[in-house]
Amino acid sequence: MLMSSPRRWIALLTALAALIAAPPLAAQTVDEVVARHVDARGGHSRLKALQTIKITRTVATPFSNVRVIIYRKRPQLFRVEQGPTDPGAPLVPRGINADAAWDAVQGKIVTRSEADAAETRELDADFDGLLVDWKEKGHTVTLDGKESLPWGEAYKLRVKTKSGAERVIYLDAKTYLERRQTGILKLPGGRQFNVVIDFDNYKEINGVKFPFDITEDRTGKEPSLSYVTYTEKIEANVPMDDGLFAVPK
C-alpha cells in the first residue's frame, strides 16, 4: 500500500515540490501574437506576393445602398470610388499617393493637409495592414492582454502609427485574425467620428485571407451612423497604372 512505502511518499512529495516551484507559462509577447496573426492571414511571403488589389463592395447605409470599388497598389497607393448602385451611375473618387491625399467634394478636388495626408496614408493606404512589418513602418504596438468580446476572447493591441494616429486592434484568440478595430475617423471638413469596425467571413484570395463582411458604427457629435459592407469580389494582381492614384487635374 502507498502508506507503507516511504519511497513512494518521497517521490510524490518531490513531484509536488517541482510542480509548485515551476514557473508559470510565459505570457505571449507582441511579436509572438503578431507573428501568429501574419501566419493566419496566409504568411509573410504570400502577403508580399500581392502587388495590387481591386475590391468590389456594396455598402448598406441607413438611406440607400452604395457601390464601392477600391484600388490598392504597393507601396501606399489607394483609390476608392463610390456612388449609387444603379448601372452606369457616376462614382465619386478619392485617392492617396506619395505626395498627396485628395477628395472629390461637390465636383471639386480638395487636397488634405500634409498632416492629414500622412495619417490617411498610414491608415487607408497601408497595403498589408497596420500589424504587418510594424517596426519597419515606425509604428508602436503594445499588447494589453485579452478582452472578452461577443464572439469570444480577443488579444487587444494598441497601435500608434508613425504620424501619431491611434488604433486598437482585436485579434481573435483562437484564429488570430482581426475581428475588430476602433479609433477616430477623420473626414474632410474637420468632421470626426469614433469608429468601431468589425470583420467577419474571411475567405482566401491567392492564399491570403480577407474579410468579406464588415460592419461599421460611427458615433460622435453628429448623428450616429451604421454601415454593413458586403464584399462581392476581390481581384489580386490586376494591372494598375500609377496615374489612377494621381490628383485629378
C-alpha atoms as a PDB file:
ATOM      1  CA  MET A   1       0.000   0.000   0.000  1.00  0.00           C
ATOM      2  CA  LEU A   2       1.026   3.648  -0.531  1.00  0.00           C
ATOM      3  CA  MET A   3       1.164   4.341   3.240  1.00  0.00           C
ATOM      4  CA  SER A   4       3.660   1.519   3.736  1.00  0.00           C
ATOM      5  CA  SER A   5       6.061   2.686   1.005  1.00  0.00           C
ATOM      6  CA  PRO A   6       8.346   5.589   2.070  1.00  0.00           C
ATOM      7  CA  ARG A   7       9.888   5.689  -1.397  1.00  0.00           C
ATOM      8  CA  ARG A   8       6.511   6.378  -2.973  1.00  0.00           C
ATOM      9  CA  TRP A   9       5.875   9.163  -0.482  1.00  0.00           C
ATOM     10  CA  ILE A  10       9.258  10.710  -1.234  1.00  0.00           C
ATOM     11  CA  ALA A  11       8.631  10.501  -4.978  1.00  0.00           C
ATOM     12  CA  LEU A  12       5.189  12.067  -4.578  1.00  0.00           C
ATOM     13  CA  LEU A  13       6.462  14.913  -2.412  1.00  0.00           C
ATOM     14  CA  THR A  14       9.324  15.573  -4.825  1.00  0.00           C
ATOM     15  CA  ALA A  15       6.907  15.776  -7.762  1.00  0.00           C
ATOM     16  CA  LEU A  16       4.612  18.142  -5.875  1.00  0.00           C
ATOM     17  CA  ALA A  17       7.527  20.380  -4.901  1.00  0.00           C
ATOM     18  CA  ALA A  18       8.694  20.542  -8.509  1.00  0.00           C
ATOM     19  CA  LEU A  19       5.192  21.435  -9.658  1.00  0.00           C
ATOM     20  CA  ILE A  20       4.868  24.233  -7.103  1.00  0.00           C
ATOM     21  CA  ALA A  21       8.312  25.605  -7.928  1.00  0.00           C
ATOM     22  CA  ALA A  22       7.795  25.518 -11.709  1.00  0.00           C
ATOM     23  CA  PRO A  23       7.393  28.997 -13.247  1.00  0.00           C
ATOM     24  CA  PRO A  24       4.043  29.843 -14.865  1.00  0.00           C
ATOM     25  CA  LEU A  25       3.744  29.630 -18.623  1.00  0.00           C
ATOM     26  CA  ALA A  26       5.180  32.786 -20.141  1.00  0.00           C
ATOM     27  CA  ALA A  27       2.643  35.264 -21.481  1.00  0.00           C
ATOM     28  CA  GLN A  28       2.731  35.819 -25.214  1.00  0.00           C
ATOM     29  CA  THR A  29       4.642  38.836 -26.440  1.00  0.00           C
ATOM     30  CA  VAL A  30       3.572  41.358 -29.058  1.00  0.00           C
ATOM     31  CA  ASP A  31       5.955  39.796 -31.577  1.00  0.00           C
ATOM     32  CA  GLU A  32       4.540  36.318 -30.974  1.00  0.00           C
ATOM     33  CA  VAL A  33       0.920  37.437 -31.323  1.00  0.00           C
ATOM     34  CA  VAL A  34       1.638  39.439 -34.482  1.00  0.00           C
ATOM     35  CA  ALA A  35       3.587  36.516 -35.965  1.00  0.00           C
ATOM     36  CA  ARG A  36       0.598  34.231 -35.382  1.00  0.00           C
ATOM     37  CA  HIS A  37      -1.623  36.885 -36.999  1.00  0.00           C
ATOM     38  CA  VAL A  38       0.576  37.072 -40.102  1.00  0.00           C
ATOM     39  CA  ASP A  39       0.607  33.275 -40.376  1.00  0.00           C
ATOM     40  CA  ALA A  40      -3.187  33.192 -40.005  1.00  0.00           C
ATOM     41  CA  ARG A  41      -3.537  35.676 -42.861  1.00  0.00           C
ATOM     42  CA  GLY A  42      -1.514  33.358 -45.109  1.00  0.00           C
ATOM     43  CA  GLY A  43       2.093  34.090 -44.264  1.00  0.00           C
ATOM     44  CA  HIS A  44       4.533  36.901 -44.994  1.00  0.00           C
ATOM     45  CA  SER A  45       5.627  35.616 -48.415  1.00  0.00           C
ATOM     46  CA  ARG A  46       2.049  35.243 -49.703  1.00  0.00           C
ATOM     47  CA  LEU A  47       1.152  38.715 -48.456  1.00  0.00           C
ATOM     48  CA  LYS A  48       4.161  40.225 -50.235  1.00  0.00           C
ATOM     49  CA  ALA A  49       3.326  38.351 -53.436  1.00  0.00           C
ATOM     50  CA  LEU A  50       0.253  40.567 -53.792  1.00  0.00           C
ATOM     51  CA  GLN A  51       1.152  43.742 -55.682  1.00  0.00           C
ATOM     52  CA  THR A  52      -2.318  45.142 -56.394  1.00  0.00           C
ATOM     53  CA  ILE A  53      -5.824  44.500 -55.099  1.00  0.00           C
ATOM     54  CA  LYS A  54      -9.174  45.534 -56.555  1.00  0.00           C
ATOM     55  CA  ILE A  55     -12.172  45.181 -54.224  1.00  0.00           C
ATOM     56  CA  THR A  56     -15.809  45.491 -55.291  1.00  0.00           C
ATOM     57  CA  ARG A  57     -18.323  46.029 -52.486  1.00  0.00           C
ATOM     58  CA  THR A  58     -21.856  47.085 -51.678  1.00  0.00           C
ATOM     59  CA  VAL A  59     -22.359  49.154 -48.538  1.00  0.00           C
ATOM     60  CA  ALA A  60     -25.812  49.200 -46.944  1.00  0.00           C
ATOM     61  CA  THR A  61     -26.398  52.582 -45.275  1.00  0.00           C
ATOM     62  CA  PRO A  62     -29.462  53.850 -43.369  1.00  0.00           C
ATOM     63  CA  PHE A  63     -30.513  55.727 -46.503  1.00  0.00           C
ATOM     64  CA  SER A  64     -29.531  53.613 -49.524  1.00  0.00           C
ATOM     65  CA  ASN A  65     -27.052  51.109 -50.850  1.00  0.00           C
ATOM     66  CA  VAL A  66     -23.723  52.398 -52.143  1.00  0.00           C
ATOM     67  CA  ARG A  67     -21.470  50.788 -54.702  1.00  0.00           C
ATOM     68  CA  VAL A  68     -17.782  50.923 -53.710  1.00  0.00           C
ATOM     69  CA  ILE A  69     -14.701  49.999 -55.724  1.00  0.00           C
ATOM     70  CA  ILE A  70     -11.287  50.100 -54.014  1.00  0.00           C
ATOM     71  CA  TYR A  71      -7.918  50.040 -55.779  1.00  0.00           C
ATOM     72  CA  ARG A  72      -4.682  49.361 -53.875  1.00  0.00           C
ATOM     73  CA  LYS A  73      -1.133  49.197 -55.158  1.00  0.00           C
ATOM     74  CA  ARG A  74       2.170  48.869 -53.376  1.00  0.00           C
ATOM     75  CA  PRO A  75       3.645  50.591 -51.559  1.00  0.00           C
ATOM     76  CA  GLN A  76       0.975  53.126 -50.494  1.00  0.00           C
ATOM     77  CA  LEU A  77      -1.286  53.900 -53.417  1.00  0.00           C
ATOM     78  CA  PHE A  78      -5.022  53.933 -52.759  1.00  0.00           C
ATOM     79  CA  ARG A  79      -8.163  54.974 -54.618  1.00  0.00           C
ATOM     80  CA  VAL A  80     -11.816  54.437 -53.773  1.00  0.00           C
ATOM     81  CA  GLU A  81     -14.827  55.224 -55.966  1.00  0.00           C
ATOM     82  CA  GLN A  82     -18.338  55.194 -54.562  1.00  0.00           C
ATOM     83  CA  GLY A  83     -21.825  56.114 -55.607  1.00  0.00           C
ATOM     84  CA  PRO A  84     -25.305  54.763 -56.401  1.00  0.00           C
ATOM     85  CA  THR A  85     -25.662  51.089 -57.249  1.00  0.00           C
ATOM     86  CA  ASP A  86     -27.605  51.962 -60.432  1.00  0.00           C
ATOM     87  CA  PRO A  87     -25.785  50.684 -63.545  1.00  0.00           C
ATOM     88  CA  GLY A  88     -23.895  53.494 -65.253  1.00  0.00           C
ATOM     89  CA  ALA A  89     -24.266  55.907 -62.343  1.00  0.00           C
ATOM     90  CA  PRO A  90     -21.161  58.088 -61.831  1.00  0.00           C
ATOM     91  CA  LEU A  91     -18.882  57.244 -58.902  1.00  0.00           C
ATOM     92  CA  VAL A  92     -17.149  59.846 -56.722  1.00  0.00           C
ATOM     93  CA  PRO A  93     -13.415  59.212 -56.226  1.00  0.00           C
ATOM     94  CA  ARG A  94     -10.815  59.966 -53.594  1.00  0.00           C
ATOM     95  CA  GLY A  95      -7.194  58.899 -53.610  1.00  0.00           C
ATOM     96  CA  ILE A  96      -3.857  58.707 -51.853  1.00  0.00           C
ATOM     97  CA  ASN A  97      -0.369  58.727 -53.330  1.00  0.00           C
ATOM     98  CA  ALA A  98       3.148  59.505 -52.151  1.00  0.00           C
ATOM     99  CA  ASP A  99       2.610  63.261 -52.493  1.00  0.00           C
ATOM    100  CA  ALA A 100      -0.993  63.947 -51.521  1.00  0.00           C
ATOM    101  CA  ALA A 101      -4.362  62.710 -50.316  1.00  0.00           C
ATOM    102  CA  TRP A 102      -7.283  64.136 -52.262  1.00  0.00           C
ATOM    103  CA  ASP A 103     -11.101  64.055 -52.245  1.00  0.00           C
ATOM    104  CA  ALA A 104     -13.748  64.984 -54.797  1.00  0.00           C
ATOM    105  CA  VAL A 105     -16.154  67.281 -52.938  1.00  0.00           C
ATOM    106  CA  GLN A 106     -19.159  68.731 -54.795  1.00  0.00           C
ATOM    107  CA  GLY A 107     -17.409  68.480 -58.127  1.00  0.00           C
ATOM    108  CA  LYS A 108     -14.124  69.981 -56.923  1.00  0.00           C
ATOM    109  CA  ILE A 109     -10.850  68.286 -55.988  1.00  0.00           C
ATOM    110  CA  VAL A 110      -9.742  69.107 -52.433  1.00  0.00           C
ATOM    111  CA  THR A 111      -6.352  68.034 -51.114  1.00  0.00           C
ATOM    112  CA  ARG A 112      -5.901  67.258 -47.427  1.00  0.00           C
ATOM    113  CA  SER A 113      -3.352  68.936 -45.196  1.00  0.00           C
ATOM    114  CA  GLU A 114       0.108  67.402 -45.023  1.00  0.00           C
ATOM    115  CA  ALA A 115      -0.578  66.007 -41.537  1.00  0.00           C
ATOM    116  CA  ASP A 116      -3.946  64.516 -42.545  1.00  0.00           C
ATOM    117  CA  ALA A 117      -2.393  63.085 -45.712  1.00  0.00           C
ATOM    118  CA  ALA A 118       0.331  61.360 -43.683  1.00  0.00           C
ATOM    119  CA  GLU A 119      -2.273  59.854 -41.359  1.00  0.00           C
ATOM    120  CA  THR A 120      -4.630  58.583 -44.038  1.00  0.00           C
ATOM    121  CA  ARG A 121      -1.628  57.245 -45.985  1.00  0.00           C
ATOM    122  CA  GLU A 122      -0.754  55.075 -42.983  1.00  0.00           C
ATOM    123  CA  LEU A 123      -4.326  54.009 -42.244  1.00  0.00           C
ATOM    124  CA  ASP A 124      -6.121  53.735 -45.585  1.00  0.00           C
ATOM    125  CA  ALA A 125      -3.225  53.153 -47.970  1.00  0.00           C
ATOM    126  CA  ASP A 126      -1.392  50.570 -45.858  1.00  0.00           C
ATOM    127  CA  PHE A 127      -1.343  47.618 -48.260  1.00  0.00           C
ATOM    128  CA  ASP A 128      -0.790  44.789 -45.761  1.00  0.00           C
ATOM    129  CA  GLY A 129      -2.417  46.115 -42.585  1.00  0.00           C
ATOM    130  CA  LEU A 130      -1.043  48.005 -39.614  1.00  0.00           C
ATOM    131  CA  LEU A 131       0.466  44.998 -37.837  1.00  0.00           C
ATOM    132  CA  VAL A 132       2.498  43.582 -40.728  1.00  0.00           C
ATOM    133  CA  ASP A 133       6.097  44.893 -40.550  1.00  0.00           C
ATOM    134  CA  TRP A 134       5.002  47.433 -37.939  1.00  0.00           C
ATOM    135  CA  LYS A 135       8.532  48.042 -36.669  1.00  0.00           C
ATOM    136  CA  GLU A 136       9.852  48.819 -40.144  1.00  0.00           C
ATOM    137  CA  LYS A 137       6.957  51.259 -40.630  1.00  0.00           C
ATOM    138  CA  GLY A 138       7.901  53.133 -37.460  1.00  0.00           C
ATOM    139  CA  HIS A 139       4.729  52.253 -35.539  1.00  0.00           C
ATOM    140  CA  THR A 140       4.452  51.374 -31.854  1.00  0.00           C
ATOM    141  CA  VAL A 141       2.409  48.312 -30.861  1.00  0.00           C
ATOM    142  CA  THR A 142       1.627  47.238 -27.293  1.00  0.00           C
ATOM    143  CA  LEU A 143      -0.279  44.172 -26.108  1.00  0.00           C
ATOM    144  CA  ASP A 144      -2.962  44.885 -23.492  1.00  0.00           C
ATOM    145  CA  GLY A 145      -3.750  41.245 -22.754  1.00  0.00           C
ATOM    146  CA  LYS A 146      -7.099  39.710 -23.653  1.00  0.00           C
ATOM    147  CA  GLU A 147     -10.635  41.075 -23.676  1.00  0.00           C
ATOM    148  CA  SER A 148     -13.988  39.304 -23.934  1.00  0.00           C
ATOM    149  CA  LEU A 149     -15.994  40.310 -26.996  1.00  0.00           C
ATOM    150  CA  PRO A 150     -19.344  38.987 -28.308  1.00  0.00           C
ATOM    151  CA  TRP A 151     -17.691  36.187 -30.314  1.00  0.00           C
ATOM    152  CA  GLY A 152     -15.173  35.227 -27.606  1.00  0.00           C
ATOM    153  CA  GLU A 153     -11.773  36.246 -26.276  1.00  0.00           C
ATOM    154  CA  ALA A 154      -9.513  38.518 -28.296  1.00  0.00           C
ATOM    155  CA  TYR A 155      -5.993  39.855 -27.984  1.00  0.00           C
ATOM    156  CA  LYS A 156      -6.074  43.638 -27.584  1.00  0.00           C
ATOM    157  CA  LEU A 157      -3.279  45.526 -29.320  1.00  0.00           C
ATOM    158  CA  ARG A 158      -2.802  49.285 -29.221  1.00  0.00           C
ATOM    159  CA  VAL A 159      -1.200  50.780 -32.307  1.00  0.00           C
ATOM    160  CA  LYS A 160       0.295  54.239 -32.597  1.00  0.00           C
ATOM    161  CA  THR A 161       1.422  54.975 -36.133  1.00  0.00           C
ATOM    162  CA  LYS A 162       4.492  56.943 -37.091  1.00  0.00           C
ATOM    163  CA  SER A 163       2.314  60.005 -37.793  1.00  0.00           C
ATOM    164  CA  GLY A 164       0.595  59.730 -34.392  1.00  0.00           C
ATOM    165  CA  ALA A 165      -2.718  58.100 -35.364  1.00  0.00           C
ATOM    166  CA  GLU A 166      -4.034  55.603 -32.830  1.00  0.00           C
ATOM    167  CA  ARG A 167      -5.986  52.406 -33.330  1.00  0.00           C
ATOM    168  CA  VAL A 168      -6.959  49.461 -31.147  1.00  0.00           C
ATOM    169  CA  ILE A 169      -6.919  46.109 -32.942  1.00  0.00           C
ATOM    170  CA  TYR A 170      -8.592  42.982 -31.580  1.00  0.00           C
ATOM    171  CA  LEU A 171      -7.343  39.600 -32.826  1.00  0.00           C
ATOM    172  CA  ASP A 172      -9.444  36.500 -32.297  1.00  0.00           C
ATOM    173  CA  ALA A 173      -7.639  34.477 -29.594  1.00  0.00           C
ATOM    174  CA  LYS A 174      -8.298  31.240 -31.498  1.00  0.00           C
ATOM    175  CA  THR A 175      -7.779  32.177 -35.146  1.00  0.00           C
ATOM    176  CA  TYR A 176      -5.525  35.251 -34.677  1.00  0.00           C
ATOM    177  CA  LEU A 177      -7.490  37.015 -37.426  1.00  0.00           C
ATOM    178  CA  GLU A 178      -8.526  40.630 -36.941  1.00  0.00           C
ATOM    179  CA  ARG A 179     -12.096  40.850 -35.694  1.00  0.00           C
ATOM    180  CA  ARG A 180     -12.408  44.472 -34.562  1.00  0.00           C
ATOM    181  CA  GLN A 181     -10.679  47.832 -34.926  1.00  0.00           C
ATOM    182  CA  THR A 182     -11.508  51.046 -33.076  1.00  0.00           C
ATOM    183  CA  GLY A 183     -10.246  54.606 -33.344  1.00  0.00           C
ATOM    184  CA  ILE A 184     -11.064  58.088 -34.632  1.00  0.00           C
ATOM    185  CA  LEU A 185     -12.134  58.525 -38.240  1.00  0.00           C
ATOM    186  CA  LYS A 186     -11.254  61.905 -39.784  1.00  0.00           C
ATOM    187  CA  LEU A 187     -13.229  63.174 -42.773  1.00  0.00           C
ATOM    188  CA  PRO A 188     -12.843  66.268 -44.980  1.00  0.00           C
ATOM    189  CA  GLY A 189     -14.160  69.493 -43.473  1.00  0.00           C
ATOM    190  CA  GLY A 190     -12.964  68.696 -39.976  1.00  0.00           C
ATOM    191  CA  ARG A 191     -15.602  66.047 -39.304  1.00  0.00           C
ATOM    192  CA  GLN A 192     -14.634  63.304 -36.861  1.00  0.00           C
ATOM    193  CA  PHE A 193     -16.267  60.124 -35.603  1.00  0.00           C
ATOM    194  CA  ASN A 194     -15.440  57.475 -33.059  1.00  0.00           C
ATOM    195  CA  VAL A 195     -15.496  54.334 -35.157  1.00  0.00           C
ATOM    196  CA  VAL A 196     -15.901  50.632 -34.370  1.00  0.00           C
ATOM    197  CA  ILE A 197     -15.292  48.278 -37.300  1.00  0.00           C
ATOM    198  CA  ASP A 198     -15.980  44.528 -37.091  1.00  0.00           C
ATOM    199  CA  PHE A 199     -14.620  41.983 -39.584  1.00  0.00           C
ATOM    200  CA  ASP A 200     -16.076  38.565 -40.408  1.00  0.00           C
ATOM    201  CA  ASN A 201     -16.492  35.896 -43.104  1.00  0.00           C
ATOM    202  CA  TYR A 202     -12.837  35.521 -44.084  1.00  0.00           C
ATOM    203  CA  LYS A 203     -12.065  33.994 -47.482  1.00  0.00           C
ATOM    204  CA  GLU A 204      -8.810  33.194 -49.263  1.00  0.00           C
ATOM    205  CA  ILE A 205      -7.625  35.168 -52.271  1.00  0.00           C
ATOM    206  CA  ASN A 206      -4.306  33.934 -53.693  1.00  0.00           C
ATOM    207  CA  GLY A 207      -3.673  32.183 -50.385  1.00  0.00           C
ATOM    208  CA  VAL A 208      -4.311  35.313 -48.282  1.00  0.00           C
ATOM    209  CA  LYS A 209      -7.363  35.682 -46.039  1.00  0.00           C
ATOM    210  CA  PHE A 210      -9.576  38.763 -46.393  1.00  0.00           C
ATOM    211  CA  PRO A 211     -12.779  39.677 -44.501  1.00  0.00           C
ATOM    212  CA  PHE A 212     -15.775  39.747 -46.820  1.00  0.00           C
ATOM    213  CA  ASP A 213     -18.314  41.068 -44.278  1.00  0.00           C
ATOM    214  CA  ILE A 214     -17.649  44.345 -42.426  1.00  0.00           C
ATOM    215  CA  THR A 215     -19.847  46.344 -40.073  1.00  0.00           C
ATOM    216  CA  GLU A 216     -19.039  49.899 -39.031  1.00  0.00           C
ATOM    217  CA  ASP A 217     -20.557  52.098 -36.343  1.00  0.00           C
ATOM    218  CA  ARG A 218     -19.776  55.821 -36.196  1.00  0.00           C
ATOM    219  CA  THR A 219     -20.582  57.949 -33.151  1.00  0.00           C
ATOM    220  CA  GLY A 220     -19.710  61.489 -32.144  1.00  0.00           C
ATOM    221  CA  LYS A 221     -21.157  64.983 -32.158  1.00  0.00           C
ATOM    222  CA  GLU A 222     -23.126  64.271 -35.313  1.00  0.00           C
ATOM    223  CA  PRO A 223     -25.920  61.664 -35.535  1.00  0.00           C
ATOM    224  CA  SER A 224     -24.679  58.094 -35.180  1.00  0.00           C
ATOM    225  CA  LEU A 225     -24.337  56.048 -38.355  1.00  0.00           C
ATOM    226  CA  SER A 226     -24.113  52.318 -39.013  1.00  0.00           C
ATOM    227  CA  TYR A 227     -22.965  50.572 -42.185  1.00  0.00           C
ATOM    228  CA  VAL A 228     -22.912  46.966 -43.321  1.00  0.00           C
ATOM    229  CA  THR A 229     -20.450  46.098 -46.085  1.00  0.00           C
ATOM    230  CA  TYR A 230     -20.752  43.053 -48.343  1.00  0.00           C
ATOM    231  CA  THR A 231     -17.738  42.208 -50.466  1.00  0.00           C
ATOM    232  CA  GLU A 232     -18.682  40.853 -53.857  1.00  0.00           C
ATOM    233  CA  LYS A 233     -15.254  40.301 -55.356  1.00  0.00           C
ATOM    234  CA  ILE A 234     -11.554  40.710 -54.586  1.00  0.00           C
ATOM    235  CA  GLU A 235      -9.125  40.553 -57.509  1.00  0.00           C
ATOM    236  CA  ALA A 236      -5.387  40.194 -56.903  1.00  0.00           C
ATOM    237  CA  ASN A 237      -2.509  41.478 -59.055  1.00  0.00           C
ATOM    238  CA  VAL A 238      -4.717  43.362 -61.502  1.00  0.00           C
ATOM    239  CA  PRO A 239      -2.642  45.748 -63.697  1.00  0.00           C
ATOM    240  CA  MET A 240      -2.937  49.328 -62.381  1.00  0.00           C
ATOM    241  CA  ASP A 241      -1.226  52.436 -63.699  1.00  0.00           C
ATOM    242  CA  ASP A 242       0.151  54.865 -61.091  1.00  0.00           C
ATOM    243  CA  GLY A 243      -1.839  57.626 -62.814  1.00  0.00           C
ATOM    244  CA  LEU A 244      -5.013  56.087 -61.396  1.00  0.00           C
ATOM    245  CA  PHE A 245      -3.994  57.434 -57.981  1.00  0.00           C
ATOM    246  CA  ALA A 246      -2.770  60.871 -59.055  1.00  0.00           C
ATOM    247  CA  VAL A 247      -4.578  64.061 -58.131  1.00  0.00           C
ATOM    248  CA  PRO A 248      -7.043  64.787 -60.981  1.00  0.00           C
ATOM    249  CA  LYS A 249      -6.313  67.953 -62.932  1.00  0.00           C
END
